[in-house]
Amino acid sequence: MSNLYVEVDDDALSAAASILGTTTKKDTVNAALREVSQRHRRLTALEELAAMGERGDFDILLDKDNYRR
């Protein structure tokens, strides 16, 4: 864990704490950083799934004989 001293917008910090359900500044900043990285990972995965759908990778699932049982 790194020690980092920065000035932050108190209103933005308060809003983030309310959204994230955190109570301390440290927890709010750490939760916000985690949320940003997790959101990026989810968006990337969604884009990859959309590309697979566009390519027709899931078309085999439209035939019920190909479903796993």
PDB file of N, CA and C in Angstrom:
ATOM      1  N   MET A   1       0.863  -1.168   0.000  1.00  0.00           N
ATOM      2  CA  MET A   1       0.000   0.000   0.000  1.00  0.00           C
ATOM      3  C   MET A   1       0.904   1.223   0.000  1.00  0.00           C
ATOM      4  N   SER A   2       0.558   2.218  -0.790  1.00  0.00           N
ATOM      5  CA  SER A   2       1.341   3.446  -0.886  1.00  0.00           C
ATOM      6  C   SER A   2       0.706   4.561  -0.079  1.00  0.00           C
ATOM      7  N   ASN A   3       1.547   5.401   0.490  1.00  0.00           N
ATOM      8  CA  ASN A   3       1.066   6.633   1.107  1.00  0.00           C
ATOM      9  C   ASN A   3       1.095   7.710   0.053  1.00  0.00           C
ATOM     10  N   LEU A   4      -0.031   8.385  -0.121  1.00  0.00           N
ATOM     11  CA  LEU A   4      -0.143   9.397  -1.156  1.00  0.00           C
ATOM     12  C   LEU A   4      -0.922  10.566  -0.585  1.00  0.00           C
ATOM     13  N   TYR A   5      -0.337  11.707  -0.625  1.00  0.00           N
ATOM     14  CA  TYR A   5      -0.991  12.888  -0.081  1.00  0.00           C
ATOM     15  C   TYR A   5      -1.418  13.784  -1.235  1.00  0.00           C
ATOM     16  N   VAL A   6      -2.727  13.916  -1.422  1.00  0.00           N
ATOM     17  CA  VAL A   6      -3.272  14.736  -2.507  1.00  0.00           C
ATOM     18  C   VAL A   6      -4.445  15.543  -1.977  1.00  0.00           C
ATOM     19  N   GLU A   7      -4.697  16.640  -2.645  1.00  0.00           N
ATOM     20  CA  GLU A   7      -5.894  17.409  -2.335  1.00  0.00           C
ATOM     21  C   GLU A   7      -7.025  16.839  -3.176  1.00  0.00           C
ATOM     22  N   VAL A   8      -8.178  16.637  -2.540  1.00  0.00           N
ATOM     23  CA  VAL A   8      -9.331  16.111  -3.258  1.00  0.00           C
ATOM     24  C   VAL A   8     -10.514  17.051  -3.065  1.00  0.00           C
ATOM     25  N   ASP A   9     -11.422  16.993  -4.004  1.00  0.00           N
ATOM     26  CA  ASP A   9     -12.650  17.771  -3.951  1.00  0.00           C
ATOM     27  C   ASP A   9     -13.541  17.166  -2.868  1.00  0.00           C
ATOM     28  N   ASP A  10     -13.819  17.928  -1.816  1.00  0.00           N
ATOM     29  CA  ASP A  10     -14.606  17.407  -0.689  1.00  0.00           C
ATOM     30  C   ASP A  10     -16.016  17.013  -1.105  1.00  0.00           C
ATOM     31  N   ASP A  11     -16.624  17.779  -2.015  1.00  0.00           N
ATOM     32  CA  ASP A  11     -17.981  17.441  -2.466  1.00  0.00           C
ATOM     33  C   ASP A  11     -17.974  16.134  -3.257  1.00  0.00           C
ATOM     34  N   ALA A  12     -16.979  15.966  -4.134  1.00  0.00           N
ATOM     35  CA  ALA A  12     -16.878  14.727  -4.913  1.00  0.00           C
ATOM     36  C   ALA A  12     -16.593  13.542  -4.001  1.00  0.00           C
ATOM     37  N   LEU A  13     -15.755  13.739  -3.009  1.00  0.00           N
ATOM     38  CA  LEU A  13     -15.430  12.681  -2.056  1.00  0.00           C
ATOM     39  C   LEU A  13     -16.665  12.277  -1.260  1.00  0.00           C
ATOM     40  N   SER A  14     -17.432  13.258  -0.839  1.00  0.00           N
ATOM     41  CA  SER A  14     -18.650  12.985  -0.080  1.00  0.00           C
ATOM     42  C   SER A  14     -19.669  12.243  -0.940  1.00  0.00           C
ATOM     43  N   ALA A  15     -19.812  12.669  -2.194  1.00  0.00           N
ATOM     44  CA  ALA A  15     -20.753  12.006  -3.102  1.00  0.00           C
ATOM     45  C   ALA A  15     -20.322  10.564  -3.356  1.00  0.00           C
ATOM     46  N   ALA A  16     -19.021  10.359  -3.560  1.00  0.00           N
ATOM     47  CA  ALA A  16     -18.508   9.008  -3.793  1.00  0.00           C
ATOM     48  C   ALA A  16     -18.727   8.127  -2.570  1.00  0.00           C
ATOM     49  N   ALA A  17     -18.493   8.676  -1.383  1.00  0.00           N
ATOM     50  CA  ALA A  17     -18.694   7.907  -0.156  1.00  0.00           C
ATOM     51  C   ALA A  17     -20.149   7.482  -0.017  1.00  0.00           C
ATOM     52  N   SER A  18     -21.047   8.379  -0.360  1.00  0.00           N
ATOM     53  CA  SER A  18     -22.473   8.065  -0.283  1.00  0.00           C
ATOM     54  C   SER A  18     -22.838   6.944  -1.256  1.00  0.00           C
ATOM     55  N   ILE A  19     -22.315   7.023  -2.461  1.00  0.00           N
ATOM     56  CA  ILE A  19     -22.602   6.012  -3.486  1.00  0.00           C
ATOM     57  C   ILE A  19     -21.978   4.669  -3.123  1.00  0.00           C
ATOM     58  N   LEU A  20     -20.743   4.720  -2.651  1.00  0.00           N
ATOM     59  CA  LEU A  20     -20.002   3.494  -2.366  1.00  0.00           C
ATOM     60  C   LEU A  20     -20.298   2.907  -0.993  1.00  0.00           C
ATOM     61  N   GLY A  21     -20.932   3.686  -0.131  1.00  0.00           N
ATOM     62  CA  GLY A  21     -21.258   3.210   1.204  1.00  0.00           C
ATOM     63  C   GLY A  21     -20.047   3.139   2.124  1.00  0.00           C
ATOM     64  N   THR A  22     -19.072   4.002   1.877  1.00  0.00           N
ATOM     65  CA  THR A  22     -17.873   4.025   2.703  1.00  0.00           C
ATOM     66  C   THR A  22     -17.974   5.135   3.739  1.00  0.00           C
ATOM     67  N   THR A  23     -17.152   5.029   4.793  1.00  0.00           N
ATOM     68  CA  THR A  23     -17.244   6.006   5.871  1.00  0.00           C
ATOM     69  C   THR A  23     -15.974   6.823   6.069  1.00  0.00           C
ATOM     70  N   THR A  24     -14.851   6.320   5.563  1.00  0.00           N
ATOM     71  CA  THR A  24     -13.612   7.078   5.717  1.00  0.00           C
ATOM     72  C   THR A  24     -13.099   7.528   4.360  1.00  0.00           C
ATOM     73  N   LYS A  25     -12.266   8.557   4.374  1.00  0.00           N
ATOM     74  CA  LYS A  25     -11.690   9.064   3.128  1.00  0.00           C
ATOM     75  C   LYS A  25     -10.842   7.985   2.460  1.00  0.00           C
ATOM     76  N   LYS A  26     -10.047   7.307   3.264  1.00  0.00           N
ATOM     77  CA  LYS A  26      -9.187   6.251   2.734  1.00  0.00           C
ATOM     78  C   LYS A  26     -10.008   5.154   2.069  1.00  0.00           C
ATOM     79  N   ASP A  27     -11.054   4.685   2.752  1.00  0.00           N
ATOM     80  CA  ASP A  27     -11.904   3.637   2.182  1.00  0.00           C
ATOM     81  C   ASP A  27     -12.607   4.118   0.916  1.00  0.00           C
ATOM     82  N   THR A  28     -13.022   5.376   0.901  1.00  0.00           N
ATOM     83  CA  THR A  28     -13.707   5.921  -0.270  1.00  0.00           C
ATOM     84  C   THR A  28     -12.779   5.966  -1.472  1.00  0.00           C
ATOM     85  N   VAL A  29     -11.582   6.467  -1.281  1.00  0.00           N
ATOM     86  CA  VAL A  29     -10.628   6.551  -2.391  1.00  0.00           C
ATOM     87  C   VAL A  29     -10.264   5.165  -2.887  1.00  0.00           C
ATOM     88  N   ASN A  30      -9.983   4.240  -1.977  1.00  0.00           N
ATOM     89  CA  ASN A  30      -9.636   2.876  -2.397  1.00  0.00           C
ATOM     90  C   ASN A  30     -10.794   2.188  -3.104  1.00  0.00           C
ATOM     91  N   ALA A  31     -11.997   2.356  -2.598  1.00  0.00           N
ATOM     92  CA  ALA A  31     -13.173   1.748  -3.241  1.00  0.00           C
ATOM     93  C   ALA A  31     -13.406   2.353  -4.622  1.00  0.00           C
ATOM     94  N   ALA A  32     -13.217   3.654  -4.750  1.00  0.00           N
ATOM     95  CA  ALA A  32     -13.407   4.314  -6.042  1.00  0.00           C
ATOM     96  C   ALA A  32     -12.376   3.814  -7.054  1.00  0.00           C
ATOM     97  N   LEU A  33     -11.137   3.660  -6.627  1.00  0.00           N
ATOM     98  CA  LEU A  33     -10.103   3.153  -7.531  1.00  0.00           C
ATOM     99  C   LEU A  33     -10.409   1.724  -7.965  1.00  0.00           C
ATOM    100  N   ARG A  34     -10.846   0.890  -7.016  1.00  0.00           N
ATOM    101  CA  ARG A  34     -11.225  -0.491  -7.370  1.00  0.00           C
ATOM    102  C   ARG A  34     -12.403  -0.497  -8.337  1.00  0.00           C
ATOM    103  N   GLU A  35     -13.389   0.344  -8.073  1.00  0.00           N
ATOM    104  CA  GLU A  35     -14.580   0.401  -8.921  1.00  0.00           C
ATOM    105  C   GLU A  35     -14.226   0.792 -10.351  1.00  0.00           C
ATOM    106  N   VAL A  36     -13.331   1.749 -10.501  1.00  0.00           N
ATOM    107  CA  VAL A  36     -12.927   2.176 -11.848  1.00  0.00           C
ATOM    108  C   VAL A  36     -12.271   1.022 -12.597  1.00  0.00           C
ATOM    109  N   SER A  37     -11.354   0.309 -11.940  1.00  0.00           N
ATOM    110  CA  SER A  37     -10.677  -0.788 -12.630  1.00  0.00           C
ATOM    111  C   SER A  37     -11.630  -1.939 -12.920  1.00  0.00           C
ATOM    112  N   GLN A  38     -12.534  -2.242 -11.994  1.00  0.00           N
ATOM    113  CA  GLN A  38     -13.507  -3.316 -12.223  1.00  0.00           C
ATOM    114  C   GLN A  38     -14.484  -2.948 -13.328  1.00  0.00           C
ATOM    115  N   ARG A  39     -14.896  -1.692 -13.361  1.00  0.00           N
ATOM    116  CA  ARG A  39     -15.814  -1.248 -14.410  1.00  0.00           C
ATOM    117  C   ARG A  39     -15.157  -1.364 -15.782  1.00  0.00           C
ATOM    118  N   HIS A  40     -13.886  -0.993 -15.863  1.00  0.00           N
ATOM    119  CA  HIS A  40     -13.168  -1.107 -17.138  1.00  0.00           C
ATOM    120  C   HIS A  40     -13.086  -2.564 -17.578  1.00  0.00           C
ATOM    121  N   ARG A  41     -12.802  -3.461 -16.625  1.00  0.00           N
ATOM    122  CA  ARG A  41     -12.748  -4.887 -16.933  1.00  0.00           C
ATOM    123  C   ARG A  41     -14.098  -5.398 -17.437  1.00  0.00           C
ATOM    124  N   ARG A  42     -15.184  -4.955 -16.782  1.00  0.00           N
ATOM    125  CA  ARG A  42     -16.521  -5.390 -17.204  1.00  0.00           C
ATOM    126  C   ARG A  42     -16.867  -4.841 -18.585  1.00  0.00           C
ATOM    127  N   LEU A  43     -16.530  -3.586 -18.850  1.00  0.00           N
ATOM    128  CA  LEU A  43     -16.809  -3.002 -20.162  1.00  0.00           C
ATOM    129  C   LEU A  43     -16.030  -3.710 -21.262  1.00  0.00           C
ATOM    130  N   THR A  44     -14.780  -4.055 -20.974  1.00  0.00           N
ATOM    131  CA  THR A  44     -13.974  -4.780 -21.953  1.00  0.00           C
ATOM    132  C   THR A  44     -14.590  -6.144 -22.240  1.00  0.00           C
ATOM    133  N   ALA A  45     -15.018  -6.842 -21.197  1.00  0.00           N
ATOM    134  CA  ALA A  45     -15.647  -8.153 -21.374  1.00  0.00           C
ATOM    135  C   ALA A  45     -16.935  -8.029 -22.178  1.00  0.00           C
ATOM    136  N   LEU A  46     -17.721  -6.987 -21.904  1.00  0.00           N
ATOM    137  CA  LEU A  46     -18.962  -6.772 -22.644  1.00  0.00           C
ATOM    138  C   LEU A  46     -18.687  -6.499 -24.112  1.00  0.00           C
ATOM    139  N   GLU A  47     -17.661  -5.705 -24.389  1.00  0.00           N
ATOM    140  CA  GLU A  47     -17.296  -5.423 -25.782  1.00  0.00           C
ATOM    141  C   GLU A  47     -16.862  -6.702 -26.497  1.00  0.00           C
ATOM    142  N   GLU A  48     -16.119  -7.567 -25.788  1.00  0.00           N
ATOM    143  CA  GLU A  48     -15.690  -8.831 -26.378  1.00  0.00           C
ATOM    144  C   GLU A  48     -16.893  -9.736 -26.661  1.00  0.00           C
ATOM    145  N   LEU A  49     -17.851  -9.788 -25.747  1.00  0.00           N
ATOM    146  CA  LEU A  49     -19.061 -10.588 -25.976  1.00  0.00           C
ATOM    147  C   LEU A  49     -19.867 -10.044 -27.151  1.00  0.00           C
ATOM    148  N   ALA A  50     -19.972  -8.727 -27.248  1.00  0.00           N
ATOM    149  CA  ALA A  50     -20.702  -8.124 -28.365  1.00  0.00           C
ATOM    150  C   ALA A  50     -20.028  -8.464 -29.693  1.00  0.00           C
ATOM    151  N   ALA A  51     -18.709  -8.427 -29.718  1.00  0.00           N
ATOM    152  CA  ALA A  51     -17.982  -8.773 -30.945  1.00  0.00           C
ATOM    153  C   ALA A  51     -18.207 -10.234 -31.303  1.00  0.00           C
ATOM    154  N   MET A  52     -18.226 -11.101 -30.294  1.00  0.00           N
ATOM    155  CA  MET A  52     -18.495 -12.519 -30.547  1.00  0.00           C
ATOM    156  C   MET A  52     -19.900 -12.700 -31.125  1.00  0.00           C
ATOM    157  N   GLY A  53     -20.852 -11.963 -30.596  1.00  0.00           N
ATOM    158  CA  GLY A  53     -22.210 -12.033 -31.112  1.00  0.00           C
ATOM    159  C   GLY A  53     -22.299 -11.539 -32.548  1.00  0.00           C
ATOM    160  N   GLU A  54     -21.594 -10.471 -32.844  1.00  0.00           N
ATOM    161  CA  GLU A  54     -21.578  -9.933 -34.212  1.00  0.00           C
ATOM    162  C   GLU A  54     -20.972 -10.940 -35.188  1.00  0.00           C
ATOM    163  N   ARG A  55     -19.967 -11.691 -34.722  1.00  0.00           N
ATOM    164  CA  ARG A  55     -19.324 -12.694 -35.576  1.00  0.00           C
ATOM    165  C   ARG A  55     -20.192 -13.934 -35.739  1.00  0.00           C
ATOM    166  N   GLY A  56     -21.210 -14.073 -34.907  1.00  0.00           N
ATOM    167  CA  GLY A  56     -22.076 -15.246 -34.981  1.00  0.00           C
ATOM    168  C   GLY A  56     -21.601 -16.403 -34.131  1.00  0.00           C
ATOM    169  N   ASP A  57     -20.711 -16.136 -33.194  1.00  0.00           N
ATOM    170  CA  ASP A  57     -20.164 -17.209 -32.364  1.00  0.00           C
ATOM    171  C   ASP A  57     -21.225 -17.929 -31.535  1.00  0.00           C
ATOM    172  N   PHE A  58     -22.354 -17.302 -31.299  1.00  0.00           N
ATOM    173  CA  PHE A  58     -23.390 -17.914 -30.467  1.00  0.00           C
ATOM    174  C   PHE A  58     -24.553 -18.480 -31.292  1.00  0.00           C
ATOM    175  N   ASP A  59     -24.468 -18.379 -32.605  1.00  0.00           N
ATOM    176  CA  ASP A  59     -25.562 -18.836 -33.456  1.00  0.00           C
ATOM    177  C   ASP A  59     -25.873 -20.315 -33.270  1.00  0.00           C
ATOM    178  N   ILE A  60     -24.857 -21.102 -32.941  1.00  0.00           N
ATOM    179  CA  ILE A  60     -25.078 -22.529 -32.729  1.00  0.00           C
ATOM    180  C   ILE A  60     -26.080 -22.766 -31.596  1.00  0.00           C
ATOM    181  N   LEU A  61     -26.162 -21.836 -30.671  1.00  0.00           N
ATOM    182  CA  LEU A  61     -27.083 -21.991 -29.543  1.00  0.00           C
ATOM    183  C   LEU A  61     -28.545 -21.799 -29.949  1.00  0.00           C
ATOM    184  N   LEU A  62     -28.775 -21.244 -31.125  1.00  0.00           N
ATOM    185  CA  LEU A  62     -30.151 -21.065 -31.592  1.00  0.00           C
ATOM    186  C   LEU A  62     -30.790 -22.399 -31.970  1.00  0.00           C
ATOM    187  N   ASP A  63     -29.974 -23.396 -32.258  1.00  0.00           N
ATOM    188  CA  ASP A  63     -30.451 -24.739 -32.573  1.00  0.00           C
ATOM    189  C   ASP A  63     -30.538 -25.516 -31.260  1.00  0.00           C
ATOM    190  N   LYS A  64     -31.743 -25.829 -30.804  1.00  0.00           N
ATOM    191  CA  LYS A  64     -31.931 -26.456 -29.494  1.00  0.00           C
ATOM    192  C   LYS A  64     -31.252 -27.810 -29.391  1.00  0.00           C
ATOM    193  N   ASP A  65     -30.954 -28.441 -30.497  1.00  0.00           N
ATOM    194  CA  ASP A  65     -30.249 -29.726 -30.450  1.00  0.00           C
ATOM    195  C   ASP A  65     -28.810 -29.558 -29.965  1.00  0.00           C
ATOM    196  N   ASN A  66     -28.304 -28.330 -30.004  1.00  0.00           N
ATOM    197  CA  ASN A  66     -26.915 -28.082 -29.616  1.00  0.00           C
ATOM    198  C   ASN A  66     -26.792 -27.623 -28.163  1.00  0.00           C
ATOM    199  N   TYR A  67     -27.896 -27.478 -27.453  1.00  0.00           N
ATOM    200  CA  TYR A  67     -27.831 -27.086 -26.050  1.00  0.00           C
ATOM    201  C   TYR A  67     -27.202 -28.191 -25.228  1.00  0.00           C
ATOM    202  N   ARG A  68     -26.458 -27.803 -24.210  1.00  0.00           N
ATOM    203  CA  ARG A  68     -25.945 -28.793 -23.261  1.00  0.00           C
ATOM    204  C   ARG A  68     -27.099 -29.233 -22.373  1.00  0.00           C
ATOM    205  N   ARG A  69     -27.067 -30.459 -21.986  1.00  0.00           N
ATOM    206  CA  ARG A  69     -28.122 -30.983 -21.123  1.00  0.00           C
ATOM    207  C   ARG A  69     -27.556 -31.400 -19.815  1.00  0.00           C
TER     208      ARG A  69
END
